[in-house]
Amino acid sequence: QALRGRRLSMIFQDPMTSLNPSHTLGEQLMEGLRHHLGLG
C-alpha cells in the first residue's frame, strides 16, 4: 500500500468504477498527496 500511488501508479480503464462516488474529486486527489507526500 505504501508503494501503490507513490512509487507505483496505475491509470485504470473505467474511471466511473475507479473513482469513489461518495467523495468529491478534490478530496480524492488530495488524499493521495497528503498520505504519500505528507503535504498539509
Full PDB file with SEQRES, HELIX, SHEET, SSBOND, CRYST1, ORIGX, SCALE, CONECT and MASTER records, all heavy atoms in Angstrom:
SEQRES   1 A   40  GLN ALA LEU ARG GLY ARG ARG LEU SER MET ILE PHE GLN          
SEQRES   2 A   40  ASP PRO MET THR SER LEU ASN PRO SER HIS THR LEU GLY          
SEQRES   3 A   40  GLU GLN LEU MET GLU GLY LEU ARG HIS HIS LEU GLY LEU          
SEQRES   4 A   40  GLY                                                          
HELIX    1 AA1 PRO A   15  SER A   18  1                                   4    
HELIX    2 AA2 LEU A   25  LEU A   37  1                                  13    
CRYST1    1.000    1.000    1.000  90.00  90.00  90.00 P 1           1          
ORIGX1      1.000000  0.000000  0.000000        0.00000                         
ORIGX2      0.000000  1.000000  0.000000        0.00000                         
ORIGX3      0.000000  0.000000  1.000000        0.00000                         
SCALE1      1.000000  0.000000  0.000000        0.00000                         
SCALE2      0.000000  1.000000  0.000000        0.00000                         
SCALE3      0.000000  0.000000  1.000000        0.00000                         
ATOM      1  N   GLN A   1       0.821  -1.206   0.000  1.00  0.00           N  
ATOM      2  CA  GLN A   1       0.000   0.000   0.000  1.00  0.00           C  
ATOM      3  C   GLN A   1       0.857   1.258   0.000  1.00  0.00           C  
ATOM      4  O   GLN A   1       0.483   2.276  -0.586  1.00  0.00           O  
ATOM      5  CB  GLN A   1      -0.935  -0.012   1.211  1.00  0.00           C  
ATOM      6  CG  GLN A   1      -2.062  -1.040   1.120  1.00  0.00           C  
ATOM      7  CD  GLN A   1      -2.849  -1.158   2.406  1.00  0.00           C  
ATOM      8  OE1 GLN A   1      -2.584  -0.428   3.365  1.00  0.00           O  
ATOM      9  NE2 GLN A   1      -3.789  -2.087   2.448  1.00  0.00           N  
ATOM     10  N   ALA A   2       2.013   1.198   0.680  1.00  0.00           N  
ATOM     11  CA  ALA A   2       2.909   2.351   0.705  1.00  0.00           C  
ATOM     12  C   ALA A   2       3.515   2.613  -0.668  1.00  0.00           C  
ATOM     13  O   ALA A   2       3.786   3.771  -1.025  1.00  0.00           O  
ATOM     14  CB  ALA A   2       4.007   2.123   1.739  1.00  0.00           C  
ATOM     15  N   LEU A   3       3.728   1.554  -1.450  1.00  0.00           N  
ATOM     16  CA  LEU A   3       4.303   1.720  -2.786  1.00  0.00           C  
ATOM     17  C   LEU A   3       3.265   2.181  -3.799  1.00  0.00           C  
ATOM     18  O   LEU A   3       3.546   3.024  -4.651  1.00  0.00           O  
ATOM     19  CB  LEU A   3       4.911   0.398  -3.261  1.00  0.00           C  
ATOM     20  CG  LEU A   3       6.172  -0.100  -2.551  1.00  0.00           C  
ATOM     21  CD1 LEU A   3       6.568  -1.470  -3.086  1.00  0.00           C  
ATOM     22  CD2 LEU A   3       7.306   0.892  -2.735  1.00  0.00           C  
ATOM     23  N   ARG A   4       2.054   1.620  -3.717  1.00  0.00           N  
ATOM     24  CA  ARG A   4       0.991   1.962  -4.666  1.00  0.00           C  
ATOM     25  C   ARG A   4       0.573   3.416  -4.492  1.00  0.00           C  
ATOM     26  O   ARG A   4       0.293   3.871  -3.392  1.00  0.00           O  
ATOM     27  CB  ARG A   4      -0.228   1.063  -4.472  1.00  0.00           C  
ATOM     28  CG  ARG A   4      -0.072  -0.327  -5.012  1.00  0.00           C  
ATOM     29  CD  ARG A   4      -1.420  -1.027  -5.135  1.00  0.00           C  
ATOM     30  NE  ARG A   4      -2.205  -0.976  -3.920  1.00  0.00           N  
ATOM     31  CZ  ARG A   4      -2.551  -2.044  -3.194  1.00  0.00           C  
ATOM     32  NH1 ARG A   4      -2.172  -3.251  -3.561  1.00  0.00           N  
ATOM     33  NH2 ARG A   4      -3.284  -1.898  -2.101  1.00  0.00           N  
ATOM     34  N   GLY A   5       0.504   4.127  -5.599  1.00  0.00           N  
ATOM     35  CA  GLY A   5       0.109   5.526  -5.561  1.00  0.00           C  
ATOM     36  C   GLY A   5       1.281   6.466  -5.382  1.00  0.00           C  
ATOM     37  O   GLY A   5       1.195   7.642  -5.738  1.00  0.00           O  
ATOM     38  N   ARG A   6       2.387   5.958  -4.829  1.00  0.00           N  
ATOM     39  CA  ARG A   6       3.576   6.793  -4.639  1.00  0.00           C  
ATOM     40  C   ARG A   6       4.648   6.437  -5.658  1.00  0.00           C  
ATOM     41  O   ARG A   6       4.948   7.218  -6.550  1.00  0.00           O  
ATOM     42  CB  ARG A   6       4.103   6.639  -3.201  1.00  0.00           C  
ATOM     43  CG  ARG A   6       5.406   7.403  -2.942  1.00  0.00           C  
ATOM     44  CD  ARG A   6       5.212   8.899  -3.136  1.00  0.00           C  
ATOM     45  NE  ARG A   6       6.457   9.631  -2.971  1.00  0.00           N  
ATOM     46  CZ  ARG A   6       7.257   9.981  -3.989  1.00  0.00           C  
ATOM     47  NH1 ARG A   6       6.954   9.627  -5.216  1.00  0.00           N  
ATOM     48  NH2 ARG A   6       8.359  10.659  -3.757  1.00  0.00           N  
ATOM     49  N   ARG A   7       5.218   5.250  -5.557  1.00  0.00           N  
ATOM     50  CA  ARG A   7       6.274   4.851  -6.492  1.00  0.00           C  
ATOM     51  C   ARG A   7       5.725   4.032  -7.650  1.00  0.00           C  
ATOM     52  O   ARG A   7       6.332   3.953  -8.706  1.00  0.00           O  
ATOM     53  CB  ARG A   7       7.345   4.065  -5.737  1.00  0.00           C  
ATOM     54  CG  ARG A   7       8.047   4.891  -4.656  1.00  0.00           C  
ATOM     55  CD  ARG A   7       9.005   4.047  -3.840  1.00  0.00           C  
ATOM     56  NE  ARG A   7      10.041   3.481  -4.687  1.00  0.00           N  
ATOM     57  CZ  ARG A   7      10.842   2.484  -4.303  1.00  0.00           C  
ATOM     58  NH1 ARG A   7      10.693   1.938  -3.114  1.00  0.00           N  
ATOM     59  NH2 ARG A   7      11.756   2.023  -5.128  1.00  0.00           N  
ATOM     60  N   LEU A   8       4.589   3.398  -7.438  1.00  0.00           N  
ATOM     61  CA  LEU A   8       3.885   2.636  -8.481  1.00  0.00           C  
ATOM     62  C   LEU A   8       2.491   3.225  -8.616  1.00  0.00           C  
ATOM     63  O   LEU A   8       1.809   3.430  -7.611  1.00  0.00           O  
ATOM     64  CB  LEU A   8       3.741   1.165  -8.080  1.00  0.00           C  
ATOM     65  CG  LEU A   8       5.006   0.334  -7.905  1.00  0.00           C  
ATOM     66  CD1 LEU A   8       4.673  -0.924  -7.113  1.00  0.00           C  
ATOM     67  CD2 LEU A   8       5.571  -0.047  -9.254  1.00  0.00           C  
ATOM     68  N   SER A   9       2.077   3.484  -9.831  1.00  0.00           N  
ATOM     69  CA  SER A   9       0.754   4.069 -10.012  1.00  0.00           C  
ATOM     70  C   SER A   9       0.099   3.490 -11.252  1.00  0.00           C  
ATOM     71  O   SER A   9       0.776   2.972 -12.142  1.00  0.00           O  
ATOM     72  CB  SER A   9       0.859   5.595 -10.133  1.00  0.00           C  
ATOM     73  OG  SER A   9      -0.402   6.198  -9.986  1.00  0.00           O  
ATOM     74  N   MET A  10      -1.239   3.586 -11.300  1.00  0.00           N  
ATOM     75  CA  MET A  10      -1.970   2.999 -12.422  1.00  0.00           C  
ATOM     76  C   MET A  10      -3.116   3.901 -12.843  1.00  0.00           C  
ATOM     77  O   MET A  10      -3.826   4.466 -11.996  1.00  0.00           O  
ATOM     78  CB  MET A  10      -2.500   1.611 -12.046  1.00  0.00           C  
ATOM     79  CG  MET A  10      -3.183   0.887 -13.192  1.00  0.00           C  
ATOM     80  SD  MET A  10      -3.447  -0.870 -12.818  1.00  0.00           S  
ATOM     81  CE  MET A  10      -4.205  -1.413 -14.364  1.00  0.00           C  
ATOM     82  N   ILE A  11      -3.277   4.042 -14.147  1.00  0.00           N  
ATOM     83  CA  ILE A  11      -4.446   4.695 -14.727  1.00  0.00           C  
ATOM     84  C   ILE A  11      -5.387   3.578 -15.157  1.00  0.00           C  
ATOM     85  O   ILE A  11      -5.049   2.778 -16.031  1.00  0.00           O  
ATOM     86  CB  ILE A  11      -4.074   5.568 -15.933  1.00  0.00           C  
ATOM     87  CG1 ILE A  11      -3.051   6.634 -15.535  1.00  0.00           C  
ATOM     88  CG2 ILE A  11      -5.315   6.224 -16.528  1.00  0.00           C  
ATOM     89  CD1 ILE A  11      -2.474   7.395 -16.713  1.00  0.00           C  
ATOM     90  N   PHE A  12      -6.564   3.514 -14.536  1.00  0.00           N  
ATOM     91  CA  PHE A  12      -7.486   2.430 -14.810  1.00  0.00           C  
ATOM     92  C   PHE A  12      -8.352   2.737 -16.030  1.00  0.00           C  
ATOM     93  O   PHE A  12      -8.562   3.892 -16.401  1.00  0.00           O  
ATOM     94  CB  PHE A  12      -8.367   2.160 -13.594  1.00  0.00           C  
ATOM     95  CG  PHE A  12      -7.604   1.699 -12.389  1.00  0.00           C  
ATOM     96  CD1 PHE A  12      -7.164   2.611 -11.442  1.00  0.00           C  
ATOM     97  CD2 PHE A  12      -7.301   0.362 -12.216  1.00  0.00           C  
ATOM     98  CE1 PHE A  12      -6.442   2.193 -10.335  1.00  0.00           C  
ATOM     99  CE2 PHE A  12      -6.580  -0.073 -11.109  1.00  0.00           C  
ATOM    100  CZ  PHE A  12      -6.149   0.852 -10.178  1.00  0.00           C  
ATOM    101  N   GLN A  13      -8.862   1.664 -16.620  1.00  0.00           N  
ATOM    102  CA  GLN A  13      -9.599   1.790 -17.873  1.00  0.00           C  
ATOM    103  C   GLN A  13     -10.974   2.430 -17.688  1.00  0.00           C  
ATOM    104  O   GLN A  13     -11.424   3.186 -18.538  1.00  0.00           O  
ATOM    105  CB  GLN A  13      -9.752   0.408 -18.515  1.00  0.00           C  
ATOM    106  CG  GLN A  13     -10.345   0.429 -19.904  1.00  0.00           C  
ATOM    107  CD  GLN A  13     -10.256  -0.925 -20.580  1.00  0.00           C  
ATOM    108  OE1 GLN A  13      -9.647  -1.856 -20.070  1.00  0.00           O  
ATOM    109  NE2 GLN A  13     -10.847  -1.042 -21.736  1.00  0.00           N  
ATOM    110  N   ASP A  14     -11.650   2.132 -16.587  1.00  0.00           N  
ATOM    111  CA  ASP A  14     -13.010   2.620 -16.377  1.00  0.00           C  
ATOM    112  C   ASP A  14     -13.020   3.616 -15.217  1.00  0.00           C  
ATOM    113  O   ASP A  14     -13.025   3.215 -14.047  1.00  0.00           O  
ATOM    114  CB  ASP A  14     -13.953   1.452 -16.074  1.00  0.00           C  
ATOM    115  CG  ASP A  14     -15.409   1.891 -15.959  1.00  0.00           C  
ATOM    116  OD1 ASP A  14     -15.673   3.103 -16.065  1.00  0.00           O  
ATOM    117  OD2 ASP A  14     -16.275   1.021 -15.771  1.00  0.00           O  
ATOM    118  N   PRO A  15     -13.060   4.917 -15.504  1.00  0.00           N  
ATOM    119  CA  PRO A  15     -12.991   5.896 -14.418  1.00  0.00           C  
ATOM    120  C   PRO A  15     -14.208   5.890 -13.510  1.00  0.00           C  
ATOM    121  O   PRO A  15     -14.125   6.247 -12.337  1.00  0.00           O  
ATOM    122  CB  PRO A  15     -12.857   7.233 -15.160  1.00  0.00           C  
ATOM    123  CG  PRO A  15     -13.427   6.989 -16.513  1.00  0.00           C  
ATOM    124  CD  PRO A  15     -13.116   5.555 -16.822  1.00  0.00           C  
ATOM    125  N   MET A  16     -15.374   5.487 -14.018  1.00  0.00           N  
ATOM    126  CA  MET A  16     -16.582   5.531 -13.190  1.00  0.00           C  
ATOM    127  C   MET A  16     -16.512   4.528 -12.050  1.00  0.00           C  
ATOM    128  O   MET A  16     -17.024   4.777 -10.956  1.00  0.00           O  
ATOM    129  CB  MET A  16     -17.820   5.257 -14.053  1.00  0.00           C  
ATOM    130  CG  MET A  16     -19.134   5.681 -13.397  1.00  0.00           C  
ATOM    131  SD  MET A  16     -19.125   7.435 -12.956  1.00  0.00           S  
ATOM    132  CE  MET A  16     -20.555   7.528 -11.899  1.00  0.00           C  
ATOM    133  N   THR A  17     -15.888   3.389 -12.266  1.00  0.00           N  
ATOM    134  CA  THR A  17     -15.761   2.396 -11.200  1.00  0.00           C  
ATOM    135  C   THR A  17     -14.478   2.594 -10.391  1.00  0.00           C  
ATOM    136  O   THR A  17     -14.300   1.948  -9.359  1.00  0.00           O  
ATOM    137  CB  THR A  17     -15.774   0.967 -11.777  1.00  0.00           C  
ATOM    138  OG1 THR A  17     -14.711   0.839 -12.735  1.00  0.00           O  
ATOM    139  CG2 THR A  17     -17.097   0.683 -12.471  1.00  0.00           C  
ATOM    140  N   SER A  18     -13.586   3.467 -10.846  1.00  0.00           N  
ATOM    141  CA  SER A  18     -12.328   3.694 -10.145  1.00  0.00           C  
ATOM    142  C   SER A  18     -12.410   4.871  -9.182  1.00  0.00           C  
ATOM    143  O   SER A  18     -11.679   4.919  -8.196  1.00  0.00           O  
ATOM    144  CB  SER A  18     -11.199   3.935 -11.148  1.00  0.00           C  
ATOM    145  OG  SER A  18     -11.076   2.852 -12.040  1.00  0.00           O  
ATOM    146  N   LEU A  19     -13.273   5.843  -9.470  1.00  0.00           N  
ATOM    147  CA  LEU A  19     -13.450   6.993  -8.594  1.00  0.00           C  
ATOM    148  C   LEU A  19     -14.538   6.695  -7.568  1.00  0.00           C  
ATOM    149  O   LEU A  19     -15.539   6.051  -7.876  1.00  0.00           O  
ATOM    150  CB  LEU A  19     -13.826   8.228  -9.420  1.00  0.00           C  
ATOM    151  CG  LEU A  19     -12.745   8.749 -10.367  1.00  0.00           C  
ATOM    152  CD1 LEU A  19     -13.316   9.801 -11.310  1.00  0.00           C  
ATOM    153  CD2 LEU A  19     -11.565   9.319  -9.585  1.00  0.00           C  
ATOM    154  N   ASN A  20     -14.333   7.182  -6.350  1.00  0.00           N  
ATOM    155  CA  ASN A  20     -15.293   6.958  -5.270  1.00  0.00           C  
ATOM    156  C   ASN A  20     -16.489   7.888  -5.453  1.00  0.00           C  
ATOM    157  O   ASN A  20     -16.327   9.117  -5.429  1.00  0.00           O  
ATOM    158  CB  ASN A  20     -14.630   7.209  -3.917  1.00  0.00           C  
ATOM    159  CG  ASN A  20     -15.459   6.728  -2.755  1.00  0.00           C  
ATOM    160  OD1 ASN A  20     -16.679   6.844  -2.761  1.00  0.00           O  
ATOM    161  ND2 ASN A  20     -14.797   6.188  -1.743  1.00  0.00           N  
ATOM    162  N   PRO A  21     -17.709   7.350  -5.623  1.00  0.00           N  
ATOM    163  CA  PRO A  21     -18.864   8.212  -5.888  1.00  0.00           C  
ATOM    164  C   PRO A  21     -19.312   9.030  -4.682  1.00  0.00           C  
ATOM    165  O   PRO A  21     -20.087   9.979  -4.835  1.00  0.00           O  
ATOM    166  CB  PRO A  21     -19.953   7.211  -6.300  1.00  0.00           C  
ATOM    167  CG  PRO A  21     -19.569   5.935  -5.624  1.00  0.00           C  
ATOM    168  CD  PRO A  21     -18.070   5.919  -5.616  1.00  0.00           C  
ATOM    169  N   SER A  22     -18.844   8.687  -3.467  1.00  0.00           N  
ATOM    170  CA  SER A  22     -19.305   9.378  -2.263  1.00  0.00           C  
ATOM    171  C   SER A  22     -18.353  10.467  -1.787  1.00  0.00           C  
ATOM    172  O   SER A  22     -18.624  11.120  -0.776  1.00  0.00           O  
ATOM    173  CB  SER A  22     -19.526   8.361  -1.135  1.00  0.00           C  
ATOM    174  OG  SER A  22     -18.317   7.705  -0.798  1.00  0.00           O  
ATOM    175  N   HIS A  23     -17.243  10.663  -2.502  1.00  0.00           N  
ATOM    176  CA  HIS A  23     -16.287  11.714  -2.142  1.00  0.00           C  
ATOM    177  C   HIS A  23     -16.087  12.645  -3.331  1.00  0.00           C  
ATOM    178  O   HIS A  23     -16.125  12.215  -4.493  1.00  0.00           O  
ATOM    179  CB  HIS A  23     -14.946  11.116  -1.726  1.00  0.00           C  
ATOM    180  CG  HIS A  23     -14.988  10.344  -0.446  1.00  0.00           C  
ATOM    181  ND1 HIS A  23     -14.941  10.939   0.798  1.00  0.00           N  
ATOM    182  CD2 HIS A  23     -15.103   9.010  -0.213  1.00  0.00           C  
ATOM    183  CE1 HIS A  23     -14.993  10.005   1.739  1.00  0.00           C  
ATOM    184  NE2 HIS A  23     -15.102   8.836   1.150  1.00  0.00           N  
ATOM    185  N   THR A  24     -15.847  13.913  -3.040  1.00  0.00           N  
ATOM    186  CA  THR A  24     -15.587  14.860  -4.124  1.00  0.00           C  
ATOM    187  C   THR A  24     -14.264  14.525  -4.801  1.00  0.00           C  
ATOM    188  O   THR A  24     -13.390  13.852  -4.229  1.00  0.00           O  
ATOM    189  CB  THR A  24     -15.531  16.298  -3.597  1.00  0.00           C  
ATOM    190  OG1 THR A  24     -14.408  16.438  -2.724  1.00  0.00           O  
ATOM    191  CG2 THR A  24     -16.819  16.673  -2.877  1.00  0.00           C  
ATOM    192  N   LEU A  25     -14.116  15.022  -6.019  1.00  0.00           N  
ATOM    193  CA  LEU A  25     -12.875  14.789  -6.754  1.00  0.00           C  
ATOM    194  C   LEU A  25     -11.695  15.414  -6.034  1.00  0.00           C  
ATOM    195  O   LEU A  25     -10.592  14.847  -6.004  1.00  0.00           O  
ATOM    196  CB  LEU A  25     -13.011  15.357  -8.166  1.00  0.00           C  
ATOM    197  CG  LEU A  25     -14.152  14.779  -9.006  1.00  0.00           C  
ATOM    198  CD1 LEU A  25     -14.303  15.530 -10.312  1.00  0.00           C  
ATOM    199  CD2 LEU A  25     -13.935  13.296  -9.273  1.00  0.00           C  
ATOM    200  N   GLY A  26     -11.913  16.584  -5.452  1.00  0.00           N  
ATOM    201  CA  GLY A  26     -10.841  17.244  -4.722  1.00  0.00           C  
ATOM    202  C   GLY A  26     -10.368  16.424  -3.533  1.00  0.00           C  
ATOM    203  O   GLY A  26      -9.157  16.298  -3.294  1.00  0.00           O  
ATOM    204  N   GLU A  27     -11.301  15.844  -2.786  1.00  0.00           N  
ATOM    205  CA  GLU A  27     -10.935  15.016  -1.637  1.00  0.00           C  
ATOM    206  C   GLU A  27     -10.090  13.819  -2.073  1.00  0.00           C  
ATOM    207  O   GLU A  27      -9.126  13.451  -1.394  1.00  0.00           O  
ATOM    208  CB  GLU A  27     -12.203  14.523  -0.929  1.00  0.00           C  
ATOM    209  CG  GLU A  27     -12.953  15.616  -0.177  1.00  0.00           C  
ATOM    210  CD  GLU A  27     -14.282  15.113   0.354  1.00  0.00           C  
ATOM    211  OE1 GLU A  27     -14.820  14.138  -0.215  1.00  0.00           O  
ATOM    212  OE2 GLU A  27     -14.780  15.695   1.329  1.00  0.00           O  
ATOM    213  N   GLN A  28     -10.471  13.223  -3.196  1.00  0.00           N  
ATOM    214  CA  GLN A  28      -9.745  12.039  -3.665  1.00  0.00           C  
ATOM    215  C   GLN A  28      -8.350  12.393  -4.161  1.00  0.00           C  
ATOM    216  O   GLN A  28      -7.397  11.640  -3.938  1.00  0.00           O  
ATOM    217  CB  GLN A  28     -10.562  11.343  -4.761  1.00  0.00           C  
ATOM    218  CG  GLN A  28     -11.856  10.764  -4.240  1.00  0.00           C  
ATOM    219  CD  GLN A  28     -12.682  10.095  -5.310  1.00  0.00           C  
ATOM    220  OE1 GLN A  28     -12.303   9.051  -5.829  1.00  0.00           O  
ATOM    221  NE2 GLN A  28     -13.811  10.694  -5.659  1.00  0.00           N  
ATOM    222  N   LEU A  29      -8.216  13.522  -4.836  1.00  0.00           N  
ATOM    223  CA  LEU A  29      -6.898  13.961  -5.290  1.00  0.00           C  
ATOM    224  C   LEU A  29      -5.998  14.315  -4.108  1.00  0.00           C  
ATOM    225  O   LEU A  29      -4.819  13.958  -4.066  1.00  0.00           O  
ATOM    226  CB  LEU A  29      -7.054  15.175  -6.209  1.00  0.00           C  
ATOM    227  CG  LEU A  29      -7.161  14.911  -7.700  1.00  0.00           C  
ATOM    228  CD1 LEU A  29      -7.635  16.165  -8.424  1.00  0.00           C  
ATOM    229  CD2 LEU A  29      -5.831  14.457  -8.268  1.00  0.00           C  
ATOM    230  N   MET A  30      -6.554  15.016  -3.146  1.00  0.00           N  
ATOM    231  CA  MET A  30      -5.770  15.477  -2.008  1.00  0.00           C  
ATOM    232  C   MET A  30      -5.379  14.337  -1.073  1.00  0.00           C  
ATOM    233  O   MET A  30      -4.343  14.396  -0.419  1.00  0.00           O  
ATOM    234  CB  MET A  30      -6.555  16.555  -1.247  1.00  0.00           C  
ATOM    235  CG  MET A  30      -6.728  17.856  -2.017  1.00  0.00           C  
ATOM    236  SD  MET A  30      -7.991  18.941  -1.297  1.00  0.00           S  
ATOM    237  CE  MET A  30      -7.328  19.193   0.347  1.00  0.00           C  
ATOM    238  N   GLU A  31      -6.195  13.306  -1.008  1.00  0.00           N  
ATOM    239  CA  GLU A  31      -5.915  12.191  -0.102  1.00  0.00           C  
ATOM    240  C   GLU A  31      -4.553  11.557  -0.393  1.00  0.00           C  
ATOM    241  O   GLU A  31      -3.745  11.327   0.510  1.00  0.00           O  
ATOM    242  CB  GLU A  31      -7.013  11.139  -0.205  1.00  0.00           C  
ATOM    243  CG  GLU A  31      -6.790   9.937   0.696  1.00  0.00           C  
ATOM    244  CD  GLU A  31      -7.833   8.853   0.510  1.00  0.00           C  
ATOM    245  OE1 GLU A  31      -8.554   8.884  -0.510  1.00  0.00           O  
ATOM    246  OE2 GLU A  31      -7.925   7.974   1.379  1.00  0.00           O  
ATOM    247  N   GLY A  32      -4.290  11.254  -1.678  1.00  0.00           N  
ATOM    248  CA  GLY A  32      -3.011  10.651  -2.034  1.00  0.00           C  
ATOM    249  C   GLY A  32      -1.843  11.578  -1.771  1.00  0.00           C  
ATOM    250  O   GLY A  32      -0.781  11.144  -1.292  1.00  0.00           O  
ATOM    251  N   LEU A  33      -2.005  12.851  -2.069  1.00  0.00           N  
ATOM    252  CA  LEU A  33      -0.928  13.818  -1.854  1.00  0.00           C  
ATOM    253  C   LEU A  33      -0.598  13.965  -0.371  1.00  0.00           C  
ATOM    254  O   LEU A  33       0.570  14.063   0.012  1.00  0.00           O  
ATOM    255  CB  LEU A  33      -1.335  15.169  -2.447  1.00  0.00           C  
ATOM    256  CG  LEU A  33      -1.438  15.215  -3.977  1.00  0.00           C  
ATOM    257  CD1 LEU A  33      -2.167  16.472  -4.429  1.00  0.00           C  
ATOM    258  CD2 LEU A  33      -0.049  15.160  -4.604  1.00  0.00           C  
ATOM    259  N   ARG A  34      -1.613  13.972   0.460  1.00  0.00           N  
ATOM    260  CA  ARG A  34      -1.384  14.128   1.903  1.00  0.00           C  
ATOM    261  C   ARG A  34      -0.788  12.854   2.506  1.00  0.00           C  
ATOM    262  O   ARG A  34       0.103  12.911   3.354  1.00  0.00           O  
ATOM    263  CB  ARG A  34      -2.688  14.499   2.603  1.00  0.00           C  
ATOM    264  CG  ARG A  34      -3.284  15.824   2.124  1.00  0.00           C  
ATOM    265  CD  ARG A  34      -4.453  16.259   2.980  1.00  0.00           C  
ATOM    266  NE  ARG A  34      -3.992  16.665   4.308  1.00  0.00           N  
ATOM    267  CZ  ARG A  34      -4.811  17.075   5.293  1.00  0.00           C  
ATOM    268  NH1 ARG A  34      -6.110  17.107   5.084  1.00  0.00           N  
ATOM    269  NH2 ARG A  34      -4.322  17.424   6.460  1.00  0.00           N  
ATOM    270  N   HIS A  35      -1.292  11.710   2.042  1.00  0.00           N  
ATOM    271  CA  HIS A  35      -0.829  10.442   2.607  1.00  0.00           C  
ATOM    272  C   HIS A  35       0.599  10.111   2.177  1.00  0.00           C  
ATOM    273  O   HIS A  35       1.438   9.741   3.008  1.00  0.00           O  
ATOM    274  CB  HIS A  35      -1.779   9.324   2.183  1.00  0.00           C  
ATOM    275  CG  HIS A  35      -1.339   7.970   2.635  1.00  0.00           C  
ATOM    276  ND1 HIS A  35      -1.425   7.551   3.948  1.00  0.00           N  
ATOM    277  CD2 HIS A  35      -0.776   6.925   1.946  1.00  0.00           C  
ATOM    278  CE1 HIS A  35      -0.955   6.323   4.060  1.00  0.00           C  
ATOM    279  NE2 HIS A  35      -0.548   5.911   2.863  1.00  0.00           N  
ATOM    280  N   HIS A  36       0.880  10.239   0.877  1.00  0.00           N  
ATOM    281  CA  HIS A  36       2.180   9.799   0.358  1.00  0.00           C  
ATOM    282  C   HIS A  36       3.264  10.867   0.457  1.00  0.00           C  
ATOM    283  O   HIS A  36       4.443  10.538   0.659  1.00  0.00           O  
ATOM    284  CB  HIS A  36       2.040   9.365  -1.101  1.00  0.00           C  
ATOM    285  CG  HIS A  36       1.265   8.102  -1.283  1.00  0.00           C  
ATOM    286  ND1 HIS A  36       1.680   6.893  -0.790  1.00  0.00           N  
ATOM    287  CD2 HIS A  36       0.092   7.857  -1.911  1.00  0.00           C  
ATOM    288  CE1 HIS A  36       0.809   5.944  -1.097  1.00  0.00           C  
ATOM    289  NE2 HIS A  36      -0.167   6.506  -1.772  1.00  0.00           N  
ATOM    290  N   LEU A  37       2.904  12.141   0.295  1.00  0.00           N  
ATOM    291  CA  LEU A  37       3.912  13.207   0.290  1.00  0.00           C  
ATOM    292  C   LEU A  37       3.931  14.005   1.585  1.00  0.00           C  
ATOM    293  O   LEU A  37       4.799  14.863   1.754  1.00  0.00           O  
ATOM    294  CB  LEU A  37       3.661  14.153  -0.894  1.00  0.00           C  
ATOM    295  CG  LEU A  37       3.685  13.524  -2.282  1.00  0.00           C  
ATOM    296  CD1 LEU A  37       3.535  14.608  -3.356  1.00  0.00           C  
ATOM    297  CD2 LEU A  37       4.954  12.723  -2.511  1.00  0.00           C  
ATOM    298  N   GLY A  38       2.973  13.743   2.473  1.00  0.00           N  
ATOM    299  CA  GLY A  38       2.953  14.441   3.752  1.00  0.00           C  
ATOM    300  C   GLY A  38       2.614  15.912   3.650  1.00  0.00           C  
ATOM    301  O   GLY A  38       3.012  16.709   4.514  1.00  0.00           O  
ATOM    302  N   LEU A  39       1.879  16.306   2.623  1.00  0.00           N  
ATOM    303  CA  LEU A  39       1.529  17.714   2.439  1.00  0.00           C  
ATOM    304  C   LEU A  39       0.395  18.118   3.369  1.00  0.00           C  
ATOM    305  O   LEU A  39      -0.472  17.308   3.718  1.00  0.00           O  
ATOM    306  CB  LEU A  39       1.097  17.977   0.997  1.00  0.00           C  
ATOM    307  CG  LEU A  39       2.108  17.657  -0.109  1.00  0.00           C  
ATOM    308  CD1 LEU A  39       1.533  18.013  -1.472  1.00  0.00           C  
ATOM    309  CD2 LEU A  39       3.423  18.382   0.119  1.00  0.00           C  
ATOM    310  N   GLY A  40       0.403  19.394   3.766  1.00  0.00           N  
ATOM    311  CA  GLY A  40      -0.720  19.944   4.505  1.00  0.00           C  
ATOM    312  C   GLY A  40      -1.908  20.133   3.576  1.00  0.00           C  
ATOM    313  O   GLY A  40      -1.792  20.026   2.349  1.00  0.00           O  
TER     314      GLY A  40                                                      
MASTER        0    0    0    2    0    0    0    6  313    1    0    4          
END                                                                             
